[in-house]
C-alpha cells in the first residue's frame, strides 16, 4: 500500500472553499479570496507621504478553517529592477465561534512587524483592532467593500478612539484572470 504524501502547499492551501461547519461566517473574509492589485499610500507623523504599487493574494487555508493572505509592496509586476521589498507579509485569520469574532495574526519579516488583533464586521465594514505596548489603539479597516474593489485603512488613536491618525491606505481592485 502506497500512501499519498501531501506537499506543504497542498496541506496549507488545499481547500477550495470554507469548512462546512462555519461556511457562512467564513465569507466575511472569504469574499476576498483571489488576487488584488492597487496602490499603497503611507502617511508619516510629520505629514510626509509615500506611494507605491501593491498586490494582495487571499486564499482558503487549513482545510477552509482560515483565510490566509500575502501583502506585497511594491507589486512584483512592474517593479523597478533592483527595487527592494518594503512589505512582504502574511495574515492568518481564524473565526472564533465562541466570541463571534476573528483572531488575526499578521507577520511581515521585511519590516519586522508582528501584530495580533481581533476582527469583526461593523455595519458594511470590517474592523480589526489591537493595542501597541504604549496603549495606542490601532485599527485596520476594510471600507467600501465591493465584489471587485475595496479600500483598506490603517489608523491609530492615542486618545481611546476620540481622534484618529491615518497611517496607511490601500486601494485595491480584483485582478481579472485571462
N, C-alpha and C. Protein backbone atom coordinates (compact mmCIF):
# COMPACT_ATOMS: atom_id res chain seq x y z
N UNK A 1 0.84 -1.18 0.00
CA UNK A 1 0.00 0.00 0.00
C UNK A 1 0.89 1.25 0.00
N UNK A 2 0.66 2.11 -0.95
CA UNK A 2 1.44 3.32 -1.07
C UNK A 2 0.60 4.48 -0.53
N UNK A 3 1.19 5.24 0.40
CA UNK A 3 0.48 6.39 0.94
C UNK A 3 0.80 7.63 0.12
N UNK A 4 -0.22 8.43 -0.10
CA UNK A 4 -0.02 9.68 -0.81
C UNK A 4 0.54 10.71 0.17
N UNK A 5 1.61 11.36 -0.23
CA UNK A 5 2.22 12.38 0.61
C UNK A 5 1.83 13.75 0.08
N UNK A 6 1.21 14.55 0.93
CA UNK A 6 0.81 15.88 0.53
C UNK A 6 1.97 16.85 0.71
N UNK A 7 2.10 17.76 -0.19
CA UNK A 7 3.12 18.80 -0.06
C UNK A 7 2.66 19.82 0.98
N UNK A 8 3.58 20.64 1.41
CA UNK A 8 3.27 21.71 2.35
C UNK A 8 2.18 22.62 1.79
N UNK A 9 2.33 23.04 0.54
CA UNK A 9 1.34 23.95 -0.07
C UNK A 9 -0.02 23.28 -0.14
N UNK A 10 -0.10 22.01 -0.50
CA UNK A 10 -1.39 21.31 -0.54
C UNK A 10 -2.01 21.22 0.86
N UNK A 11 -1.17 20.97 1.87
CA UNK A 11 -1.68 20.86 3.24
C UNK A 11 -2.17 22.22 3.75
N UNK A 12 -1.46 23.28 3.43
CA UNK A 12 -1.84 24.62 3.90
C UNK A 12 -2.99 25.19 3.10
N UNK A 13 -2.91 25.10 1.78
CA UNK A 13 -3.82 25.83 0.89
C UNK A 13 -4.71 24.93 0.04
N UNK A 14 -4.90 23.70 0.41
CA UNK A 14 -5.62 22.75 -0.43
C UNK A 14 -7.12 22.93 -0.47
N UNK A 15 -7.69 23.70 0.45
CA UNK A 15 -9.15 23.86 0.47
C UNK A 15 -9.61 24.72 -0.70
N UNK A 16 -10.74 24.37 -1.26
CA UNK A 16 -11.31 25.16 -2.35
C UNK A 16 -12.44 26.05 -1.88
N UNK A 17 -12.73 26.00 -0.58
CA UNK A 17 -13.80 26.82 -0.02
C UNK A 17 -13.80 26.69 1.48
N UNK A 18 -14.81 27.27 2.12
CA UNK A 18 -14.86 27.26 3.58
C UNK A 18 -15.23 25.89 4.15
N UNK A 19 -14.80 25.64 5.38
CA UNK A 19 -15.21 24.42 6.09
C UNK A 19 -16.72 24.46 6.26
N UNK A 20 -17.42 23.35 6.01
CA UNK A 20 -18.89 23.34 6.04
C UNK A 20 -19.49 23.75 7.38
N UNK A 21 -18.82 23.47 8.49
CA UNK A 21 -19.40 23.77 9.80
C UNK A 21 -19.37 25.26 10.16
N UNK A 22 -18.74 26.10 9.33
CA UNK A 22 -18.68 27.54 9.61
C UNK A 22 -18.70 28.37 8.32
N UNK A 23 -19.23 27.79 7.26
CA UNK A 23 -19.15 28.40 5.93
C UNK A 23 -19.71 29.82 5.89
N UNK A 24 -20.86 30.07 6.53
CA UNK A 24 -21.45 31.41 6.45
C UNK A 24 -20.55 32.46 7.09
N UNK A 25 -19.98 32.17 8.24
CA UNK A 25 -19.11 33.13 8.94
C UNK A 25 -17.79 33.33 8.19
N UNK A 26 -17.30 32.30 7.53
CA UNK A 26 -16.02 32.38 6.80
C UNK A 26 -16.08 33.35 5.63
N UNK A 27 -17.27 33.63 5.15
CA UNK A 27 -17.38 34.50 3.98
C UNK A 27 -17.11 35.97 4.29
N UNK A 28 -17.02 36.35 5.58
CA UNK A 28 -16.65 37.73 5.89
C UNK A 28 -15.32 38.06 5.21
N UNK A 29 -14.34 37.17 5.33
CA UNK A 29 -13.06 37.35 4.64
C UNK A 29 -12.98 36.50 3.37
N UNK A 30 -13.80 35.46 3.28
CA UNK A 30 -13.80 34.61 2.09
C UNK A 30 -14.15 35.38 0.83
N UNK A 31 -14.89 36.48 0.97
CA UNK A 31 -15.25 37.30 -0.18
C UNK A 31 -14.03 37.89 -0.87
N UNK A 32 -12.89 37.91 -0.18
CA UNK A 32 -11.67 38.49 -0.76
C UNK A 32 -10.78 37.45 -1.45
N UNK A 33 -11.13 36.17 -1.39
CA UNK A 33 -10.28 35.14 -1.99
C UNK A 33 -10.04 35.48 -3.46
N UNK A 34 -8.77 35.52 -3.81
CA UNK A 34 -8.35 35.89 -5.15
C UNK A 34 -7.16 36.82 -5.09
N UNK A 35 -6.86 37.45 -6.21
CA UNK A 35 -5.70 38.33 -6.34
C UNK A 35 -6.16 39.76 -6.59
N UNK A 36 -5.47 40.70 -5.93
CA UNK A 36 -5.83 42.11 -5.97
C UNK A 36 -4.60 42.94 -6.31
N UNK A 37 -4.80 43.99 -7.08
CA UNK A 37 -3.74 44.93 -7.43
C UNK A 37 -4.18 46.33 -7.04
N UNK A 38 -3.21 47.17 -6.71
CA UNK A 38 -3.58 48.54 -6.37
C UNK A 38 -2.41 49.36 -5.90
N UNK A 39 -2.74 50.32 -5.03
CA UNK A 39 -1.73 51.25 -4.53
C UNK A 39 -1.76 51.30 -3.01
N UNK A 40 -0.62 51.63 -2.46
CA UNK A 40 -0.47 51.87 -1.03
C UNK A 40 0.06 53.28 -0.86
N UNK A 41 -0.54 54.02 0.07
CA UNK A 41 -0.02 55.31 0.48
C UNK A 41 0.23 55.23 1.98
N UNK A 42 1.45 55.57 2.39
CA UNK A 42 1.81 55.63 3.82
C UNK A 42 1.89 57.10 4.22
N UNK A 43 1.44 57.39 5.44
CA UNK A 43 1.45 58.75 5.95
C UNK A 43 2.32 58.80 7.20
N UNK A 44 3.37 59.61 7.17
CA UNK A 44 4.26 59.74 8.32
C UNK A 44 3.70 60.70 9.36
N UNK A 45 4.31 60.72 10.52
CA UNK A 45 3.84 61.57 11.61
C UNK A 45 4.01 63.05 11.31
N UNK A 46 4.92 63.40 10.41
CA UNK A 46 5.16 64.81 10.08
C UNK A 46 4.49 65.22 8.76
N UNK A 47 3.53 64.42 8.30
CA UNK A 47 2.82 64.76 7.08
C UNK A 47 3.45 64.24 5.81
N UNK A 48 4.63 63.61 5.92
CA UNK A 48 5.24 63.06 4.71
C UNK A 48 4.38 61.91 4.20
N UNK A 49 4.47 61.70 2.90
CA UNK A 49 3.64 60.72 2.22
C UNK A 49 4.51 59.94 1.25
N UNK A 50 4.28 58.63 1.16
CA UNK A 50 4.97 57.82 0.16
C UNK A 50 3.95 56.89 -0.49
N UNK A 51 4.08 56.74 -1.81
CA UNK A 51 3.15 55.93 -2.60
C UNK A 51 3.90 54.77 -3.24
N UNK A 52 3.20 53.67 -3.44
CA UNK A 52 3.80 52.51 -4.07
C UNK A 52 2.71 51.64 -4.68
N UNK A 53 3.11 50.78 -5.59
CA UNK A 53 2.20 49.77 -6.11
C UNK A 53 2.09 48.65 -5.07
N UNK A 54 1.04 47.85 -5.18
CA UNK A 54 0.81 46.77 -4.23
C UNK A 54 0.08 45.62 -4.90
N UNK A 55 0.29 44.43 -4.35
CA UNK A 55 -0.50 43.27 -4.74
C UNK A 55 -0.85 42.49 -3.49
N UNK A 56 -2.04 41.89 -3.48
CA UNK A 56 -2.51 41.13 -2.33
C UNK A 56 -3.16 39.86 -2.84
N UNK A 57 -2.89 38.75 -2.17
CA UNK A 57 -3.44 37.45 -2.54
C UNK A 57 -4.13 36.85 -1.32
N UNK A 58 -5.43 36.51 -1.44
CA UNK A 58 -6.18 35.86 -0.36
C UNK A 58 -6.50 34.44 -0.79
N UNK A 59 -6.46 33.50 0.17
CA UNK A 59 -6.83 32.12 -0.14
C UNK A 59 -7.35 31.38 1.07
N UNK A 60 -8.04 30.28 0.79
CA UNK A 60 -8.52 29.40 1.85
C UNK A 60 -7.32 28.64 2.40
N UNK A 61 -7.28 28.45 3.71
CA UNK A 61 -6.17 27.74 4.35
C UNK A 61 -6.73 26.79 5.41
N UNK A 62 -5.88 25.85 5.80
CA UNK A 62 -6.18 24.94 6.92
C UNK A 62 -7.55 24.29 6.77
N UNK A 63 -7.74 23.65 5.62
CA UNK A 63 -8.98 22.94 5.27
C UNK A 63 -10.22 23.83 5.35
N UNK A 64 -10.05 25.09 4.96
CA UNK A 64 -11.17 26.02 4.92
C UNK A 64 -11.57 26.59 6.26
N UNK A 65 -10.72 26.38 7.27
CA UNK A 65 -10.99 26.91 8.61
C UNK A 65 -10.32 28.25 8.84
N UNK A 66 -9.57 28.73 7.86
CA UNK A 66 -8.86 30.00 7.98
C UNK A 66 -8.76 30.65 6.60
N UNK A 67 -8.51 31.95 6.63
CA UNK A 67 -8.19 32.70 5.42
C UNK A 67 -6.77 33.20 5.61
N UNK A 68 -5.93 32.98 4.63
CA UNK A 68 -4.56 33.49 4.71
C UNK A 68 -4.34 34.38 3.50
N UNK A 69 -3.53 35.42 3.72
CA UNK A 69 -3.23 36.32 2.62
C UNK A 69 -1.76 36.70 2.63
N UNK A 70 -1.33 37.29 1.53
CA UNK A 70 0.03 37.82 1.39
C UNK A 70 -0.09 39.23 0.81
N UNK A 71 0.54 40.20 1.49
CA UNK A 71 0.55 41.61 1.06
C UNK A 71 1.96 41.94 0.61
N UNK A 72 2.13 42.40 -0.65
CA UNK A 72 3.44 42.64 -1.24
C UNK A 72 3.51 44.08 -1.74
N UNK A 73 4.52 44.82 -1.28
CA UNK A 73 4.75 46.21 -1.68
C UNK A 73 6.24 46.40 -1.91
N UNK A 74 6.66 46.88 -3.08
CA UNK A 74 5.85 47.16 -4.26
C UNK A 74 5.44 45.86 -4.95
N UNK A 75 4.45 45.98 -5.81
CA UNK A 75 3.99 44.83 -6.56
C UNK A 75 5.14 44.21 -7.34
N UNK A 76 5.13 42.90 -7.46
CA UNK A 76 6.20 42.24 -8.22
C UNK A 76 6.08 42.52 -9.71
N UNK A 77 4.87 42.85 -10.16
CA UNK A 77 4.64 43.21 -11.57
C UNK A 77 4.94 44.69 -11.73
N UNK A 78 5.84 45.02 -12.60
CA UNK A 78 6.16 46.42 -12.84
C UNK A 78 7.15 47.02 -11.86
N UNK A 79 7.72 46.20 -11.00
CA UNK A 79 8.70 46.68 -10.03
C UNK A 79 9.97 47.09 -10.76
N UNK A 80 10.56 48.18 -10.34
CA UNK A 80 11.81 48.63 -10.96
C UNK A 80 12.92 47.61 -10.69
N UNK A 81 13.84 47.42 -11.63
CA UNK A 81 14.94 46.49 -11.41
C UNK A 81 15.72 46.87 -10.15
N UNK A 82 15.93 45.89 -9.29
CA UNK A 82 16.67 46.12 -8.06
C UNK A 82 15.86 46.74 -6.94
N UNK A 83 14.60 47.08 -7.19
CA UNK A 83 13.76 47.69 -6.15
C UNK A 83 13.48 46.66 -5.06
N UNK A 84 13.73 47.02 -3.82
CA UNK A 84 13.60 46.10 -2.69
C UNK A 84 12.16 46.04 -2.18
N UNK A 85 11.84 44.94 -1.53
CA UNK A 85 10.55 44.81 -0.85
C UNK A 85 10.46 45.85 0.26
N UNK A 86 9.29 46.47 0.37
CA UNK A 86 9.01 47.35 1.51
C UNK A 86 8.00 46.70 2.46
N UNK A 87 7.30 45.70 1.93
CA UNK A 87 6.40 44.87 2.73
C UNK A 87 6.26 43.54 2.00
N UNK A 88 6.32 42.47 2.75
CA UNK A 88 6.07 41.14 2.21
C UNK A 88 5.59 40.31 3.38
N UNK A 89 4.32 40.52 3.72
CA UNK A 89 3.77 39.93 4.94
C UNK A 89 2.59 39.03 4.68
N UNK A 90 2.23 38.28 5.72
CA UNK A 90 1.09 37.38 5.62
C UNK A 90 0.19 37.54 6.84
N UNK A 91 -1.09 37.37 6.62
CA UNK A 91 -2.09 37.41 7.68
C UNK A 91 -2.79 36.07 7.73
N UNK A 92 -3.00 35.57 8.94
CA UNK A 92 -3.81 34.37 9.14
C UNK A 92 -5.03 34.79 9.94
N UNK A 93 -6.21 34.52 9.40
CA UNK A 93 -7.48 34.90 10.03
C UNK A 93 -8.28 33.64 10.35
N UNK A 94 -8.65 33.49 11.62
CA UNK A 94 -9.38 32.30 12.07
C UNK A 94 -10.65 32.76 12.80
N UNK A 95 -11.79 32.24 12.39
CA UNK A 95 -13.05 32.59 13.04
C UNK A 95 -13.15 31.90 14.39
N UNK A 96 -13.59 32.65 15.41
CA UNK A 96 -13.78 32.15 16.77
C UNK A 96 -15.27 32.15 17.08
N UNK A 97 -15.94 30.99 16.98
CA UNK A 97 -17.39 30.96 17.19
C UNK A 97 -17.80 31.27 18.63
N UNK A 98 -16.94 31.04 19.59
CA UNK A 98 -17.29 31.34 20.99
C UNK A 98 -17.53 32.83 21.21
N UNK A 99 -16.80 33.68 20.49
CA UNK A 99 -16.91 35.12 20.67
C UNK A 99 -17.45 35.84 19.43
N UNK A 100 -17.84 35.08 18.42
CA UNK A 100 -18.31 35.63 17.16
C UNK A 100 -17.38 36.74 16.66
N UNK A 101 -16.11 36.40 16.63
CA UNK A 101 -15.08 37.35 16.18
C UNK A 101 -13.98 36.56 15.46
N UNK A 102 -13.03 37.28 14.96
CA UNK A 102 -11.90 36.68 14.25
C UNK A 102 -10.61 36.93 15.03
N UNK A 103 -9.81 35.89 15.17
CA UNK A 103 -8.48 36.02 15.75
C UNK A 103 -7.51 36.13 14.58
N UNK A 104 -6.70 37.18 14.58
CA UNK A 104 -5.91 37.54 13.40
C UNK A 104 -4.47 37.78 13.80
N UNK A 105 -3.55 37.21 13.02
CA UNK A 105 -2.12 37.44 13.23
C UNK A 105 -1.51 37.87 11.91
N UNK A 106 -0.78 38.98 11.94
CA UNK A 106 -0.06 39.49 10.77
C UNK A 106 1.43 39.47 11.08
N UNK A 107 2.21 38.98 10.11
CA UNK A 107 3.67 38.93 10.26
C UNK A 107 4.30 39.45 8.98
N UNK A 108 5.22 40.40 9.12
CA UNK A 108 5.97 40.93 7.99
C UNK A 108 7.46 40.93 8.36
N UNK A 109 8.22 39.95 7.88
CA UNK A 109 9.64 39.90 8.21
C UNK A 109 10.46 41.03 7.61
N UNK A 110 9.96 41.68 6.55
CA UNK A 110 10.69 42.79 5.95
C UNK A 110 10.76 43.96 6.94
N UNK A 111 9.62 44.30 7.53
CA UNK A 111 9.57 45.43 8.47
C UNK A 111 9.66 44.98 9.93
N UNK A 112 9.83 43.67 10.14
CA UNK A 112 9.87 43.11 11.48
C UNK A 112 8.63 43.48 12.28
N UNK A 113 7.47 43.30 11.65
CA UNK A 113 6.17 43.57 12.29
C UNK A 113 5.51 42.25 12.66
N UNK A 114 4.87 42.23 13.82
CA UNK A 114 4.08 41.09 14.26
C UNK A 114 2.92 41.66 15.06
N UNK A 115 1.73 41.60 14.51
CA UNK A 115 0.56 42.18 15.15
C UNK A 115 -0.51 41.11 15.33
N UNK A 116 -1.08 41.07 16.53
CA UNK A 116 -2.18 40.14 16.83
C UNK A 116 -3.40 40.98 17.17
N UNK A 117 -4.51 40.69 16.50
CA UNK A 117 -5.69 41.53 16.65
C UNK A 117 -6.97 40.72 16.60
N UNK A 118 -8.08 41.41 16.88
CA UNK A 118 -9.41 40.83 16.78
C UNK A 118 -10.15 41.57 15.68
N UNK A 119 -10.94 40.85 14.89
CA UNK A 119 -11.70 41.45 13.81
C UNK A 119 -13.18 41.16 13.93
N UNK A 120 -13.99 42.13 13.48
CA UNK A 120 -15.44 41.97 13.49
C UNK A 120 -16.05 42.77 12.35
N UNK A 121 -17.23 42.34 11.93
CA UNK A 121 -18.00 43.13 10.99
C UNK A 121 -18.70 44.23 11.77
N UNK A 122 -18.62 45.45 11.25
CA UNK A 122 -19.30 46.60 11.85
C UNK A 122 -20.07 47.27 10.71
N UNK A 123 -21.37 47.03 10.66
CA UNK A 123 -22.16 47.51 9.53
C UNK A 123 -21.63 46.89 8.25
N UNK A 124 -21.39 47.68 7.21
CA UNK A 124 -20.87 47.12 5.96
C UNK A 124 -19.34 46.95 5.96
N UNK A 125 -18.69 47.37 7.05
CA UNK A 125 -17.23 47.37 7.11
C UNK A 125 -16.69 46.23 7.96
N UNK A 126 -15.38 46.04 7.90
CA UNK A 126 -14.68 45.09 8.77
C UNK A 126 -13.64 45.90 9.53
N UNK A 127 -13.66 45.77 10.85
CA UNK A 127 -12.72 46.49 11.71
C UNK A 127 -11.88 45.47 12.46
N UNK A 128 -10.57 45.59 12.34
CA UNK A 128 -9.62 44.76 13.08
C UNK A 128 -8.90 45.71 14.05
N UNK A 129 -8.69 45.26 15.29
CA UNK A 129 -8.13 46.18 16.27
C UNK A 129 -7.13 45.48 17.20
N UNK A 130 -6.11 46.25 17.60
CA UNK A 130 -5.14 45.80 18.60
C UNK A 130 -4.55 47.01 19.29
N UNK A 131 -3.79 46.77 20.36
CA UNK A 131 -3.11 47.84 21.09
C UNK A 131 -1.61 47.65 21.00
N UNK A 132 -0.93 48.78 20.82
CA UNK A 132 0.53 48.78 20.90
C UNK A 132 0.92 48.75 22.38
N UNK A 133 2.18 48.47 22.67
CA UNK A 133 2.67 48.42 24.05
C UNK A 133 2.46 49.74 24.79
N UNK A 134 2.49 50.86 24.06
CA UNK A 134 2.31 52.18 24.71
C UNK A 134 0.84 52.55 24.91
N UNK A 135 -0.08 51.65 24.57
CA UNK A 135 -1.51 51.91 24.75
C UNK A 135 -2.23 52.43 23.53
N UNK A 136 -1.50 52.78 22.48
CA UNK A 136 -2.12 53.28 21.26
C UNK A 136 -3.06 52.22 20.68
N UNK A 137 -4.28 52.63 20.34
CA UNK A 137 -5.25 51.73 19.70
C UNK A 137 -4.99 51.79 18.20
N UNK A 138 -4.83 50.64 17.58
CA UNK A 138 -4.60 50.56 16.13
C UNK A 138 -5.75 49.80 15.49
N UNK A 139 -6.22 50.30 14.38
CA UNK A 139 -7.27 49.62 13.62
C UNK A 139 -6.83 49.45 12.18
N UNK A 140 -7.18 48.28 11.64
CA UNK A 140 -7.06 48.03 10.21
C UNK A 140 -8.49 47.82 9.73
N UNK A 141 -8.93 48.62 8.77
CA UNK A 141 -10.34 48.65 8.38
C UNK A 141 -10.50 48.37 6.89
N UNK A 142 -11.47 47.55 6.58
CA UNK A 142 -11.89 47.31 5.20
C UNK A 142 -13.14 48.14 4.99
N UNK A 143 -13.06 49.14 4.11
CA UNK A 143 -14.18 50.03 3.80
C UNK A 143 -14.53 49.89 2.32
N UNK A 144 -15.70 50.39 1.95
CA UNK A 144 -16.13 50.45 0.55
C UNK A 144 -15.94 49.09 -0.14
N UNK A 145 -16.36 48.04 0.54
CA UNK A 145 -16.18 46.68 0.03
C UNK A 145 -17.18 46.42 -1.09
N UNK A 146 -16.67 46.05 -2.24
CA UNK A 146 -17.50 45.67 -3.39
C UNK A 146 -16.95 44.36 -3.94
N UNK A 147 -17.63 43.78 -4.89
CA UNK A 147 -17.20 42.48 -5.44
C UNK A 147 -15.79 42.55 -6.01
N UNK A 148 -15.42 43.69 -6.60
CA UNK A 148 -14.14 43.77 -7.29
C UNK A 148 -13.24 44.90 -6.80
N UNK A 149 -13.54 45.46 -5.62
CA UNK A 149 -12.68 46.52 -5.09
C UNK A 149 -12.91 46.68 -3.59
N UNK A 150 -11.93 47.22 -2.91
CA UNK A 150 -12.10 47.63 -1.51
C UNK A 150 -11.03 48.64 -1.16
N UNK A 151 -11.31 49.38 -0.10
CA UNK A 151 -10.42 50.41 0.43
C UNK A 151 -10.01 49.93 1.82
N UNK A 152 -8.70 49.81 2.06
CA UNK A 152 -8.17 49.32 3.33
C UNK A 152 -7.43 50.45 4.00
N UNK A 153 -7.72 50.70 5.29
CA UNK A 153 -7.15 51.81 6.02
C UNK A 153 -6.49 51.33 7.30
N UNK A 154 -5.32 51.85 7.59
CA UNK A 154 -4.66 51.65 8.88
C UNK A 154 -4.68 53.00 9.59
N UNK A 155 -5.16 52.98 10.85
CA UNK A 155 -5.22 54.23 11.61
C UNK A 155 -4.92 53.94 13.07
N UNK A 156 -4.54 54.99 13.80
CA UNK A 156 -4.22 54.82 15.21
C UNK A 156 -4.78 55.97 16.03
N UNK A 157 -5.07 55.66 17.30
CA UNK A 157 -5.63 56.65 18.21
C UNK A 157 -4.87 56.61 19.53
N UNK A 158 -4.38 57.76 19.95
CA UNK A 158 -3.69 57.88 21.24
C UNK A 158 -4.65 58.36 22.33
N UNK A 159 -5.92 58.61 21.98
CA UNK A 159 -6.89 59.13 22.95
C UNK A 159 -8.16 58.27 23.01
N UNK A 160 -7.97 56.94 23.00
CA UNK A 160 -9.08 55.98 23.13
C UNK A 160 -10.21 56.19 22.12
N UNK A 161 -9.82 56.31 20.85
CA UNK A 161 -10.76 56.36 19.73
C UNK A 161 -11.51 57.69 19.59
N UNK A 162 -11.06 58.72 20.27
CA UNK A 162 -11.69 60.04 20.11
C UNK A 162 -11.27 60.67 18.78
N UNK A 163 -9.99 60.54 18.44
CA UNK A 163 -9.47 61.03 17.17
C UNK A 163 -8.57 59.96 16.58
N UNK A 164 -8.43 60.00 15.26
CA UNK A 164 -7.64 59.00 14.54
C UNK A 164 -6.59 59.68 13.69
N UNK A 165 -5.42 59.05 13.57
CA UNK A 165 -4.39 59.48 12.63
C UNK A 165 -4.25 58.40 11.58
N UNK A 166 -4.45 58.76 10.34
CA UNK A 166 -4.31 57.83 9.22
C UNK A 166 -2.83 57.50 9.04
N UNK A 167 -2.49 56.21 9.00
CA UNK A 167 -1.09 55.81 8.83
C UNK A 167 -0.82 55.19 7.45
N UNK A 168 -1.85 54.56 6.88
CA UNK A 168 -1.67 53.95 5.55
C UNK A 168 -3.03 53.63 4.96
N UNK A 169 -3.07 53.58 3.62
CA UNK A 169 -4.30 53.13 2.96
C UNK A 169 -3.96 52.46 1.64
N UNK A 170 -4.68 51.38 1.40
CA UNK A 170 -4.61 50.66 0.14
C UNK A 170 -5.92 50.89 -0.61
N UNK A 171 -5.82 51.06 -1.91
CA UNK A 171 -6.97 50.99 -2.81
C UNK A 171 -6.69 49.80 -3.72
N UNK A 172 -7.56 48.79 -3.65
CA UNK A 172 -7.29 47.54 -4.37
C UNK A 172 -8.47 47.17 -5.26
N UNK A 173 -8.11 46.58 -6.42
CA UNK A 173 -9.09 46.07 -7.38
C UNK A 173 -8.75 44.62 -7.69
N UNK A 174 -9.78 43.82 -7.83
CA UNK A 174 -9.58 42.39 -8.11
C UNK A 174 -8.89 42.22 -9.48
N UNK A 175 -7.90 41.37 -9.51
CA UNK A 175 -7.24 41.05 -10.78
C UNK A 175 -8.13 40.07 -11.53
N UNK A 176 -8.48 40.45 -12.71
CA UNK A 176 -9.32 39.60 -13.55
C UNK A 176 -8.41 38.65 -14.33
N UNK A 177 -8.61 37.35 -14.11
CA UNK A 177 -7.78 36.35 -14.77
C UNK A 177 -8.19 36.23 -16.22
N UNK A 178 -7.19 36.12 -17.09
CA UNK A 178 -7.45 35.99 -18.54
C UNK A 178 -8.05 34.64 -18.85
